[in-house]
PDB file of N, CA and C in Angstrom:
ATOM      1  N   MET A   1      73.416 106.744  82.903  1.00  0.00           N
ATOM      2  CA  MET A   1      74.413 105.702  82.850  1.00  0.00           C
ATOM      3  C   MET A   1      75.085 105.632  81.483  1.00  0.00           C
ATOM      4  N   ASP A   2      74.294 105.820  80.426  1.00  0.00           N
ATOM      5  CA  ASP A   2      74.872 105.739  79.083  1.00  0.00           C
ATOM      6  C   ASP A   2      75.872 106.855  78.846  1.00  0.00           C
ATOM      7  N   LYS A   3      75.591 108.041  79.380  1.00  0.00           N
ATOM      8  CA  LYS A   3      76.530 109.155  79.215  1.00  0.00           C
ATOM      9  C   LYS A   3      77.846 108.859  79.914  1.00  0.00           C
ATOM     10  N   LEU A   4      77.765 108.259  81.096  1.00  0.00           N
ATOM     11  CA  LEU A   4      78.994 107.904  81.810  1.00  0.00           C
ATOM     12  C   LEU A   4      79.804 106.877  81.024  1.00  0.00           C
ATOM     13  N   GLY A   5      79.128 105.906  80.442  1.00  0.00           N
ATOM     14  CA  GLY A   5      79.812 104.888  79.650  1.00  0.00           C
ATOM     15  C   GLY A   5      80.459 105.460  78.414  1.00  0.00           C
ATOM     16  N   ASN A   6      79.847 106.479  77.815  1.00  0.00           N
ATOM     17  CA  ASN A   6      80.393 107.091  76.606  1.00  0.00           C
ATOM     18  C   ASN A   6      81.681 107.863  76.874  1.00  0.00           C
ATOM     19  N   VAL A   7      81.853 108.352  78.087  1.00  0.00           N
ATOM     20  CA  VAL A   7      83.067 109.103  78.398  1.00  0.00           C
ATOM     21  C   VAL A   7      84.094 108.258  79.129  1.00  0.00           C
ATOM     22  N   GLY A   8      83.861 106.954  79.233  1.00  0.00           N
ATOM     23  CA  GLY A   8      84.872 106.055  79.788  1.00  0.00           C
ATOM     24  C   GLY A   8      84.710 105.725  81.250  1.00  0.00           C
ATOM     25  N   VAL A   9      83.618 106.155  81.880  1.00  0.00           N
ATOM     26  CA  VAL A   9      83.399 105.828  83.274  1.00  0.00           C
ATOM     27  C   VAL A   9      82.566 104.556  83.337  1.00  0.00           C
ATOM     28  N   LEU A  10      83.149 103.501  83.868  1.00  0.00           N
ATOM     29  CA  LEU A  10      82.446 102.231  83.974  1.00  0.00           C
ATOM     30  C   LEU A  10      81.817 102.161  85.360  1.00  0.00           C
ATOM     31  N   TYR A  11      80.594 102.599  85.465  1.00  0.00           N
ATOM     32  CA  TYR A  11      79.941 102.704  86.766  1.00  0.00           C
ATOM     33  C   TYR A  11      79.807 101.361  87.461  1.00  0.00           C
ATOM     34  N   GLU A  12      79.528 100.298  86.723  1.00  0.00           N
ATOM     35  CA  GLU A  12      79.377  98.987  87.354  1.00  0.00           C
ATOM     36  C   GLU A  12      80.664  98.581  88.063  1.00  0.00           C
ATOM     37  N   GLY A  13      81.788  98.811  87.407  1.00  0.00           N
ATOM     38  CA  GLY A  13      83.066  98.490  88.036  1.00  0.00           C
ATOM     39  C   GLY A  13      83.348  99.348  89.251  1.00  0.00           C
ATOM     40  N   LEU A  14      82.981 100.627  89.179  1.00  0.00           N
ATOM     41  CA  LEU A  14      83.179 101.497  90.334  1.00  0.00           C
ATOM     42  C   LEU A  14      82.305 101.073  91.502  1.00  0.00           C
ATOM     43  N   SER A  15      81.090 100.646  91.219  1.00  0.00           N
ATOM     44  CA  SER A  15      80.218 100.226  92.312  1.00  0.00           C
ATOM     45  C   SER A  15      80.701  98.912  92.928  1.00  0.00           C
ATOM     46  N   ILE A  16      81.246  98.022  92.120  1.00  0.00           N
ATOM     47  CA  ILE A  16      81.765  96.761  92.651  1.00  0.00           C
ATOM     48  C   ILE A  16      82.990  97.015  93.525  1.00  0.00           C
ATOM     49  N   MET A  17      83.901  97.830  93.044  1.00  0.00           N
ATOM     50  CA  MET A  17      85.118  98.077  93.805  1.00  0.00           C
ATOM     51  C   MET A  17      84.874  98.983  95.009  1.00  0.00           C
ATOM     52  N   GLY A  18      83.795  99.772  94.978  1.00  0.00           N
ATOM     53  CA  GLY A  18      83.534 100.711  96.055  1.00  0.00           C
ATOM     54  C   GLY A  18      82.855 100.099  97.262  1.00  0.00           C
ATOM     55  N   GLY A  19      82.205  98.975  97.122  1.00  0.00           N
ATOM     56  CA  GLY A  19      81.519  98.358  98.252  1.00  0.00           C
ATOM     57  C   GLY A  19      82.514  97.886  99.295  1.00  0.00           C
ATOM     58  N   GLY A  20      82.327  98.317 100.540  1.00  0.00           N
ATOM     59  CA  GLY A  20      83.260  97.941 101.605  1.00  0.00           C
ATOM     60  C   GLY A  20      84.631  98.543 101.389  1.00  0.00           C
ATOM     61  N   ALA A  21      84.657  99.823 101.048  1.00  0.00           N
ATOM     62  CA  ALA A  21      85.907 100.470 100.648  1.00  0.00           C
ATOM     63  C   ALA A  21      86.956 100.483 101.757  1.00  0.00           C
ATOM     64  N   ILE A  22      86.523 100.579 103.005  1.00  0.00           N
ATOM     65  CA  ILE A  22      87.503 100.625 104.098  1.00  0.00           C
ATOM     66  C   ILE A  22      88.223  99.286 104.216  1.00  0.00           C
ATOM     67  N   LEU A  23      87.471  98.198 104.215  1.00  0.00           N
ATOM     68  CA  LEU A  23      88.107  96.875 104.272  1.00  0.00           C
ATOM     69  C   LEU A  23      88.950  96.612 103.032  1.00  0.00           C
ATOM     70  N   SER A  24      88.439  97.021 101.878  1.00  0.00           N
ATOM     71  CA  SER A  24      89.188  96.820 100.631  1.00  0.00           C
ATOM     72  C   SER A  24      90.523  97.539 100.683  1.00  0.00           C
ATOM     73  N   GLY A  25      90.494  98.776 101.149  1.00  0.00           N
ATOM     74  CA  GLY A  25      91.734  99.538 101.245  1.00  0.00           C
ATOM     75  C   GLY A  25      92.730  98.916 102.200  1.00  0.00           C
ATOM     76  N   LEU A  26      92.227  98.421 103.331  1.00  0.00           N
ATOM     77  CA  LEU A  26      93.119  97.784 104.305  1.00  0.00           C
ATOM     78  C   LEU A  26      93.752  96.516 103.744  1.00  0.00           C
ATOM     79  N   VAL A  27      92.933  95.694 103.107  1.00  0.00           N
ATOM     80  CA  VAL A  27      93.443  94.423 102.579  1.00  0.00           C
ATOM     81  C   VAL A  27      94.414  94.673 101.431  1.00  0.00           C
ATOM     82  N   LEU A  28      94.054  95.547 100.491  1.00  0.00           N
ATOM     83  CA  LEU A  28      94.944  95.814  99.359  1.00  0.00           C
ATOM     84  C   LEU A  28      96.242  96.484  99.805  1.00  0.00           C
ATOM     85  N   ALA A  29      96.165  97.379 100.793  1.00  0.00           N
ATOM     86  CA  ALA A  29      97.387  98.014 101.304  1.00  0.00           C
ATOM     87  C   ALA A  29      98.278  96.988 101.991  1.00  0.00           C
ATOM     88  N   ALA A  30      97.685  96.084 102.763  1.00  0.00           N
ATOM     89  CA  ALA A  30      98.486  95.053 103.442  1.00  0.00           C
ATOM     90  C   ALA A  30      99.165  94.143 102.423  1.00  0.00           C
ATOM     91  N   ILE A  31      98.446  93.778 101.372  1.00  0.00           N
ATOM     92  CA  ILE A  31      99.052  92.949 100.318  1.00  0.00           C
ATOM     93  C   ILE A  31     100.231  93.692  99.698  1.00  0.00           C
ATOM     94  N   GLY A  32     100.027  94.972  99.398  1.00  0.00           N
ATOM     95  CA  GLY A  32     101.104  95.762  98.798  1.00  0.00           C
ATOM     96  C   GLY A  32     102.323  95.870  99.689  1.00  0.00           C
ATOM     97  N   VAL A  33     102.103  96.119 100.973  1.00  0.00           N
ATOM     98  CA  VAL A  33     103.227  96.246 101.912  1.00  0.00           C
ATOM     99  C   VAL A  33     103.996  94.938 102.007  1.00  0.00           C
ATOM    100  N   PHE A  34     103.289  93.824 102.133  1.00  0.00           N
ATOM    101  CA  PHE A  34     103.975  92.548 102.270  1.00  0.00           C
ATOM    102  C   PHE A  34     104.689  92.140 100.984  1.00  0.00           C
ATOM    103  N   VAL A  35     104.176  92.526  99.837  1.00  0.00           N
ATOM    104  CA  VAL A  35     104.883  92.245  98.582  1.00  0.00           C
ATOM    105  C   VAL A  35     106.166  93.063  98.516  1.00  0.00           C
ATOM    106  N   ILE A  36     106.096  94.334  98.909  1.00  0.00           N
ATOM    107  CA  ILE A  36     107.307  95.170  98.916  1.00  0.00           C
ATOM    108  C   ILE A  36     108.352  94.591  99.865  1.00  0.00           C
ATOM    109  N   GLU A  37     107.904  94.111 101.008  1.00  0.00           N
ATOM    110  CA  GLU A  37     108.826  93.525 101.989  1.00  0.00           C
ATOM    111  C   GLU A  37     109.242  92.096 101.640  1.00  0.00           C
ATOM    112  N   LYS A  38     108.716  91.560 100.549  1.00  0.00           N
ATOM    113  CA  LYS A  38     108.986  90.202 100.081  1.00  0.00           C
ATOM    114  C   LYS A  38     108.567  89.149 101.096  1.00  0.00           C
ATOM    115  N   LYS A  39     107.463  89.412 101.786  1.00  0.00           N
ATOM    116  CA  LYS A  39     106.858  88.448 102.701  1.00  0.00           C
ATOM    117  C   LYS A  39     105.619  87.904 102.000  1.00  0.00           C
ATOM    118  N   PHE A  40     105.847  86.964 101.098  1.00  0.00           N
ATOM    119  CA  PHE A  40     104.793  86.510 100.205  1.00  0.00           C
ATOM    120  C   PHE A  40     103.761  85.622 100.890  1.00  0.00           C
ATOM    121  N   VAL A  41     104.141  84.914 101.946  1.00  0.00           N
ATOM    122  CA  VAL A  41     103.160  84.089 102.659  1.00  0.00           C
ATOM    123  C   VAL A  41     102.132  84.989 103.338  1.00  0.00           C
ATOM    124  N   GLU A  42     102.601  86.061 103.976  1.00  0.00           N
ATOM    125  CA  GLU A  42     101.682  86.990 104.624  1.00  0.00           C
ATOM    126  C   GLU A  42     100.796  87.687 103.599  1.00  0.00           C
ATOM    127  N   ALA A  43     101.381  88.091 102.461  1.00  0.00           N
ATOM    128  CA  ALA A  43     100.594  88.717 101.399  1.00  0.00           C
ATOM    129  C   ALA A  43      99.544  87.754 100.867  1.00  0.00           C
ATOM    130  N   SER A  44      99.921  86.487 100.737  1.00  0.00           N
ATOM    131  CA  SER A  44      98.983  85.468 100.290  1.00  0.00           C
ATOM    132  C   SER A  44      97.855  85.287 101.300  1.00  0.00           C
ATOM    133  N   ALA A  45      98.170  85.348 102.577  1.00  0.00           N
ATOM    134  CA  ALA A  45      97.145  85.212 103.614  1.00  0.00           C
ATOM    135  C   ALA A  45      96.148  86.366 103.548  1.00  0.00           C
ATOM    136  N   PHE A  46      96.637  87.568 103.324  1.00  0.00           N
ATOM    137  CA  PHE A  46      95.727  88.706 103.199  1.00  0.00           C
ATOM    138  C   PHE A  46      94.888  88.606 101.932  1.00  0.00           C
ATOM    139  N   ALA A  47      95.453  88.105 100.857  1.00  0.00           N
ATOM    140  CA  ALA A  47      94.667  87.917  99.636  1.00  0.00           C
ATOM    141  C   ALA A  47      93.593  86.855  99.856  1.00  0.00           C
ATOM    142  N   LEU A  48      93.920  85.816 100.590  1.00  0.00           N
ATOM    143  CA  LEU A  48      92.932  84.792 100.917  1.00  0.00           C
ATOM    144  C   LEU A  48      91.828  85.375 101.808  1.00  0.00           C
ATOM    145  N   ALA A  49      92.215  86.196 102.771  1.00  0.00           N
ATOM    146  CA  ALA A  49      91.216  86.862 103.614  1.00  0.00           C
ATOM    147  C   ALA A  49      90.334  87.779 102.764  1.00  0.00           C
ATOM    148  N   GLY A  50      90.938  88.453 101.793  1.00  0.00           N
ATOM    149  CA  GLY A  50      90.155  89.286 100.882  1.00  0.00           C
ATOM    150  C   GLY A  50      89.177  88.466 100.063  1.00  0.00           C
ATOM    151  N   ALA A  51      89.581  87.280  99.652  1.00  0.00           N
ATOM    152  CA  ALA A  51      88.680  86.406  98.895  1.00  0.00           C
ATOM    153  C   ALA A  51      87.488  85.984  99.756  1.00  0.00           C
ATOM    154  N   ILE A  52      87.751  85.647 100.995  1.00  0.00           N
ATOM    155  CA  ILE A  52      86.668  85.223 101.884  1.00  0.00           C
ATOM    156  C   ILE A  52      85.722  86.382 102.176  1.00  0.00           C
ATOM    157  N   LEU A  53      86.291  87.550 102.495  1.00  0.00           N
ATOM    158  CA  LEU A  53      85.454  88.716 102.768  1.00  0.00           C
ATOM    159  C   LEU A  53      84.648  89.128 101.537  1.00  0.00           C
ATOM    160  N   THR A  54      85.241  89.011 100.370  1.00  0.00           N
ATOM    161  CA  THR A  54      84.537  89.358  99.139  1.00  0.00           C
ATOM    162  C   THR A  54      83.442  88.354  98.829  1.00  0.00           C
ATOM    163  N   PHE A  55      83.704  87.086  99.058  1.00  0.00           N
ATOM    164  CA  PHE A  55      82.710  86.056  98.766  1.00  0.00           C
ATOM    165  C   PHE A  55      81.437  86.274  99.587  1.00  0.00           C
ATOM    166  N   PHE A  56      81.609  86.683 100.843  1.00  0.00           N
ATOM    167  CA  PHE A  56      80.450  86.892 101.703  1.00  0.00           C
ATOM    168  C   PHE A  56      79.908  88.317 101.649  1.00  0.00           C
ATOM    169  N   GLY A  57      80.480  89.186 100.815  1.00  0.00           N
ATOM    170  CA  GLY A  57      79.921  90.504 100.591  1.00  0.00           C
ATOM    171  C   GLY A  57      80.402  91.599 101.515  1.00  0.00           C
ATOM    172  N   PHE A  58      81.337  91.323 102.393  1.00  0.00           N
ATOM    173  CA  PHE A  58      81.858  92.373 103.266  1.00  0.00           C
ATOM    174  C   PHE A  58      82.731  93.361 102.493  1.00  0.00           C
ATOM    175  N   MET A  59      83.329  92.888 101.420  1.00  0.00           N
ATOM    176  CA  MET A  59      84.112  93.747 100.520  1.00  0.00           C
ATOM    177  C   MET A  59      83.513  93.599  99.128  1.00  0.00           C
ATOM    178  N   HIS A  60      83.558  94.676  98.371  1.00  0.00           N
ATOM    179  CA  HIS A  60      83.157  94.672  96.962  1.00  0.00           C
ATOM    180  C   HIS A  60      81.733  94.164  96.754  1.00  0.00           C
ATOM    181  N   GLY A  61      80.869  94.389  97.705  1.00  0.00           N
ATOM    182  CA  GLY A  61      79.489  93.955  97.555  1.00  0.00           C
ATOM    183  C   GLY A  61      78.532  94.998  98.095  1.00  0.00           C
ATOM    184  N   GLU A  62      77.342  95.019  97.546  1.00  0.00           N
ATOM    185  CA  GLU A  62      76.333  95.966  98.009  1.00  0.00           C
ATOM    186  C   GLU A  62      75.595  95.455  99.228  1.00  0.00           C
ATOM    187  N   SER A  63      75.611  94.147  99.450  1.00  0.00           N
ATOM    188  CA  SER A  63      74.932  93.570 100.598  1.00  0.00           C
ATOM    189  C   SER A  63      75.736  92.375 101.092  1.00  0.00           C
ATOM    190  N   VAL A  64      75.461  91.982 102.320  1.00  0.00           N
ATOM    191  CA  VAL A  64      76.131  90.828 102.905  1.00  0.00           C
ATOM    192  C   VAL A  64      75.310  89.587 102.563  1.00  0.00           C
ATOM    193  N   GLY A  65      75.970  88.543 102.104  1.00  0.00           N
ATOM    194  CA  GLY A  65      75.302  87.308 101.742  1.00  0.00           C
ATOM    195  C   GLY A  65      76.320  86.289 101.288  1.00  0.00           C
ATOM    196  N   ILE A  66      75.856  85.277 100.630  1.00  0.00           N
ATOM    197  CA  ILE A  66      76.750  84.237 100.120  1.00  0.00           C
ATOM    198  C   ILE A  66      76.895  84.427  98.617  1.00  0.00           C
ATOM    199  N   ALA A  67      78.116  84.389  98.142  1.00  0.00           N
ATOM    200  CA  ALA A  67      78.459  84.539  96.723  1.00  0.00           C
ATOM    201  C   ALA A  67      77.902  85.835  96.147  1.00  0.00           C
ATOM    202  N   VAL A  68      78.185  86.959  96.851  1.00  0.00           N
ATOM    203  CA  VAL A  68      77.709  88.262  96.389  1.00  0.00           C
ATOM    204  C   VAL A  68      78.469  88.676  95.133  1.00  0.00           C
ATOM    205  N   THR A  69      79.780  88.613  95.156  1.00  0.00           N
ATOM    206  CA  THR A  69      80.615  88.906  93.983  1.00  0.00           C
ATOM    207  C   THR A  69      81.632  87.779  93.824  1.00  0.00           C
ATOM    208  N   PRO A  70      81.206  86.635  93.308  1.00  0.00           N
ATOM    209  CA  PRO A  70      82.122  85.489  93.246  1.00  0.00           C
ATOM    210  C   PRO A  70      83.274  85.681  92.270  1.00  0.00           C
ATOM    211  N   VAL A  71      83.088  86.456  91.219  1.00  0.00           N
ATOM    212  CA  VAL A  71      84.172  86.648  90.245  1.00  0.00           C
ATOM    213  C   VAL A  71      85.330  87.405  90.877  1.00  0.00           C
ATOM    214  N   VAL A  72      85.019  88.412  91.676  1.00  0.00           N
ATOM    215  CA  VAL A  72      86.082  89.167  92.353  1.00  0.00           C
ATOM    216  C   VAL A  72      86.755  88.285  93.398  1.00  0.00           C
ATOM    217  N   ALA A  73      85.979  87.452  94.080  1.00  0.00           N
ATOM    218  CA  ALA A  73      86.560  86.530  95.067  1.00  0.00           C
ATOM    219  C   ALA A  73      87.518  85.556  94.395  1.00  0.00           C
ATOM    220  N   ILE A  74      87.164  85.091  93.217  1.00  0.00           N
ATOM    221  CA  ILE A  74      88.060  84.188  92.475  1.00  0.00           C
ATOM    222  C   ILE A  74      89.340  84.917  92.095  1.00  0.00           C
ATOM    223  N   GLY A  75      89.220  86.198  91.770  1.00  0.00           N
ATOM    224  CA  GLY A  75      90.417  86.995  91.473  1.00  0.00           C
ATOM    225  C   GLY A  75      91.348  87.070  92.665  1.00  0.00           C
ATOM    226  N   TYR A  76      90.790  87.277  93.847  1.00  0.00           N
ATOM    227  CA  TYR A  76      91.612  87.275  95.055  1.00  0.00           C
ATOM    228  C   TYR A  76      92.253  85.917  95.288  1.00  0.00           C
ATOM    229  N   LEU A  77      91.525  84.841  95.025  1.00  0.00           N
ATOM    230  CA  LEU A  77      92.101  83.499  95.179  1.00  0.00           C
ATOM    231  C   LEU A  77      93.267  83.272  94.223  1.00  0.00           C
ATOM    232  N   ILE A  78      93.141  83.765  92.999  1.00  0.00           N
ATOM    233  CA  ILE A  78      94.229  83.629  92.028  1.00  0.00           C
ATOM    234  C   ILE A  78      95.452  84.402  92.503  1.00  0.00           C
ATOM    235  N   VAL A  79      95.231  85.612  93.022  1.00  0.00           N
ATOM    236  CA  VAL A  79      96.348  86.401  93.556  1.00  0.00           C
ATOM    237  C   VAL A  79      96.983  85.691  94.747  1.00  0.00           C
ATOM    238  N   ALA A  80      96.155  85.119  95.621  1.00  0.00           N
ATOM    239  CA  ALA A  80      96.689  84.397  96.787  1.00  0.00           C
ATOM    240  C   ALA A  80      97.535  83.212  96.350  1.00  0.00           C
ATOM    241  N   ALA A  81      97.067  82.462  95.363  1.00  0.00           N
ATOM    242  CA  ALA A  81      97.840  81.316  94.871  1.00  0.00           C
ATOM    243  C   ALA A  81      99.147  81.763  94.240  1.00  0.00           C
ATOM    244  N   PHE A  82      99.106  82.849  93.472  1.00  0.00           N
ATOM    245  CA  PHE A  82     100.315  83.371  92.840  1.00  0.00           C
ATOM    246  C   PHE A  82     101.332  83.812  93.895  1.00  0.00           C
ATOM    247  N   LEU A  83     100.861  84.538  94.899  1.00  0.00           N
ATOM    248  CA  LEU A  83     101.774  85.006  95.940  1.00  0.00           C
ATOM    249  C   LEU A  83     102.334  83.848  96.751  1.00  0.00           C
ATOM    250  N   PHE A  84     101.518  82.842  97.017  1.00  0.00           N
ATOM    251  CA  PHE A  84     102.037  81.677  97.732  1.00  0.00           C
ATOM    252  C   PHE A  84     103.069  80.943  96.877  1.00  0.00           C
ATOM    253  N   GLY A  85     102.841  80.888  95.573  1.00  0.00           N
ATOM    254  CA  GLY A  85     103.832  80.293  94.676  1.00  0.00           C
ATOM    255  C   GLY A  85     105.153  81.050  94.703  1.00  0.00           C
ATOM    256  N   LEU A  86     105.064  82.379  94.802  1.00  0.00           N
ATOM    257  CA  LEU A  86     106.291  83.172  94.912  1.00  0.00           C
ATOM    258  C   LEU A  86     107.029  82.881  96.214  1.00  0.00           C
ATOM    259  N   SER A  87     106.290  82.560  97.257  1.00  0.00           N
ATOM    260  CA  SER A  87     106.959  82.267  98.529  1.00  0.00           C
ATOM    261  C   SER A  87     107.752  80.972  98.465  1.00  0.00           C
ATOM    262  N   LEU A  88     107.389  80.083  97.554  1.00  0.00           N
ATOM    263  CA  LEU A  88     108.100  78.809  97.418  1.00  0.00           C
ATOM    264  C   LEU A  88     109.339  78.925  96.537  1.00  0.00           C
ATOM    265  N   ALA A  89     109.472  80.026  95.803  1.00  0.00           N
ATOM    266  CA  ALA A  89     110.629  80.221  94.920  1.00  0.00           C
ATOM    267  C   ALA A  89     111.871  80.486  95.768  1.00  0.00           C
ATOM    268  N   PRO A  90     113.029  80.068  95.279  1.00  0.00           N
ATOM    269  CA  PRO A  90     114.266  80.359  96.018  1.00  0.00           C
ATOM    270  C   PRO A  90     114.482  81.861  96.151  1.00  0.00           C
ATOM    271  N   ALA A  91     114.978  82.281  97.307  1.00  0.00           N
ATOM    272  CA  ALA A  91     115.165  83.706  97.567  1.00  0.00           C
ATOM    273  C   ALA A  91     116.148  84.336  96.595  1.00  0.00           C
ATOM    274  N   SER A  92     117.128  83.583  96.146  1.00  0.00           N
ATOM    275  CA  SER A  92     118.132  84.146  95.241  1.00  0.00           C
ATOM    276  C   SER A  92     117.530  84.497  93.889  1.00  0.00           C
ATOM    277  N   SER A  93     116.487  83.787  93.459  1.00  0.00           N
ATOM    278  CA  SER A  93     115.882  84.100  92.170  1.00  0.00           C
ATOM    279  C   SER A  93     114.976  85.321  92.254  1.00  0.00           C
ATOM    280  N   LEU A  94     114.538  85.701  93.466  1.00  0.00           N
ATOM    281  CA  LEU A  94     113.675  86.864  93.628  1.00  0.00           C
ATOM    282  C   LEU A  94     114.457  88.137  93.875  1.00  0.00           C
ATOM    283  N   ASP A  95     115.702  88.023  94.312  1.00  0.00           N
ATOM    284  CA  ASP A  95     116.498  89.198  94.656  1.00  0.00           C
ATOM    285  C   ASP A  95     117.428  89.527  93.503  1.00  0.00           C
ATOM    286  N   LYS A  96     116.988  90.384  92.612  1.00  0.00           N
ATOM    287  CA  LYS A  96     117.788  90.772  91.448  1.00  0.00           C
ATOM    288  C   LYS A  96     118.386  92.164  91.598  1.00  0.00           C
ATOM    289  N   THR A  97     118.521  92.642  92.826  1.00  0.00           N
ATOM    290  CA  THR A  97     119.080  93.966  93.042  1.00  0.00           C
ATOM    291  C   THR A  97     120.605  93.901  92.981  1.00  0.00           C
ATOM    292  N   ALA A  98     121.190  95.002  92.615  1.00  0.00           N
ATOM    293  CA  ALA A  98     122.643  95.086  92.554  1.00  0.00           C
ATOM    294  C   ALA A  98     123.207  95.100  93.974  1.00  0.00           C
ATOM    295  N   PRO A  99     124.366  94.514  94.174  1.00  0.00           N
ATOM    296  CA  PRO A  99     124.946  94.531  95.528  1.00  0.00           C
ATOM    297  C   PRO A  99     125.288  95.960  95.943  1.00  0.00           C
ATOM    298  N   HIS A 100     125.060  96.255  97.210  1.00  0.00           N
ATOM    299  CA  HIS A 100     125.351  97.584  97.716  1.00  0.00           C
ATOM    300  C   HIS A 100     126.848  97.710  97.986  1.00  0.00           C
ATOM    301  N   GLU A 101     127.387  98.842  97.601  1.00  0.00           N
ATOM    302  CA  GLU A 101     128.796  99.082  97.886  1.00  0.00           C
ATOM    303  C   GLU A 101     128.908  99.529  99.341  1.00  0.00           C
ATOM    304  N   ALA A 102     129.949  99.065  99.982  1.00  0.00           N
ATOM    305  CA  ALA A 102     130.168  99.434 101.372  1.00  0.00           C
ATOM    306  C   ALA A 102     130.545 100.903 101.454  1.00  0.00           C
ATOM    307  N   ILE A 103     129.884 101.632 102.329  1.00  0.00           N
ATOM    308  CA  ILE A 103     130.209 103.053 102.531  1.00  0.00           C
ATOM    309  C   ILE A 103     131.222 103.123 103.649  1.00  0.00           C
ATOM    310  N   PRO A 104     132.368 103.716 103.363  1.00  0.00           N
ATOM    311  CA  PRO A 104     133.398 103.801 104.408  1.00  0.00           C
ATOM    312  C   PRO A 104     132.912 104.653 105.592  1.00  0.00           C
ATOM    313  N   GLU A 105     133.327 104.250 106.775  1.00  0.00           N
ATOM    314  CA  GLU A 105     132.957 104.988 107.996  1.00  0.00           C
ATOM    315  C   GLU A 105     133.686 106.331 108.029  1.00  0.00           C
ATOM    316  N   GLY A 106     133.058 107.322 108.582  1.00  0.00           N
ATOM    317  CA  GLY A 106     133.689 108.613 108.773  1.00  0.00           C
ATOM    318  C   GLY A 106     133.738 109.489 107.543  1.00  0.00           C
ATOM    319  N   VAL A 107     132.932 109.232 106.547  1.00  0.00           N
ATOM    320  CA  VAL A 107     132.914 110.080 105.353  1.00  0.00           C
ATOM    321  C   VAL A 107     132.030 111.294 105.661  1.00  0.00           C
ATOM    322  N   PRO A 108     132.550 112.500 105.446  1.00  0.00           N
ATOM    323  CA  PRO A 108     131.740 113.690 105.746  1.00  0.00           C
ATOM    324  C   PRO A 108     130.570 113.817 104.755  1.00  0.00           C
ATOM    325  N   ALA A 109     129.496 114.385 105.233  1.00  0.00           N
ATOM    326  CA  ALA A 109     128.326 114.596 104.374  1.00  0.00           C
ATOM    327  C   ALA A 109     128.627 115.684 103.372  1.00  0.00           C
ATOM    328  N   GLU A 110     128.074 115.539 102.203  1.00  0.00           N
ATOM    329  CA  GLU A 110     128.342 116.540 101.162  1.00  0.00           C
ATOM    330  C   GLU A 110     127.228 117.529 101.082  1.00  0.00           C
TER     331      GLU A 110
END
């Protein structure tokens, strides 16, 4: 373990994040997709589900129980609150993209 720590591999963190990797991947991917689509309520719901699953050890835990990894569960709760806060923001303040120019019909491909 000490050799791994000396070269920058934090085994404890890898073991925490690796527990329940399939569920973790599904939840984190769903959060990412909903953030890209700007559906922050849905992303917040998945983060909340991740917090619940993590609290009971189904994700990021070596065993199933109560308060298996509470610090990680609190992290998911913070993300859920942040994403829900973004859902309450006006849509115009979240959309900072440049307006698309209209492409004329019938333009040949180059």
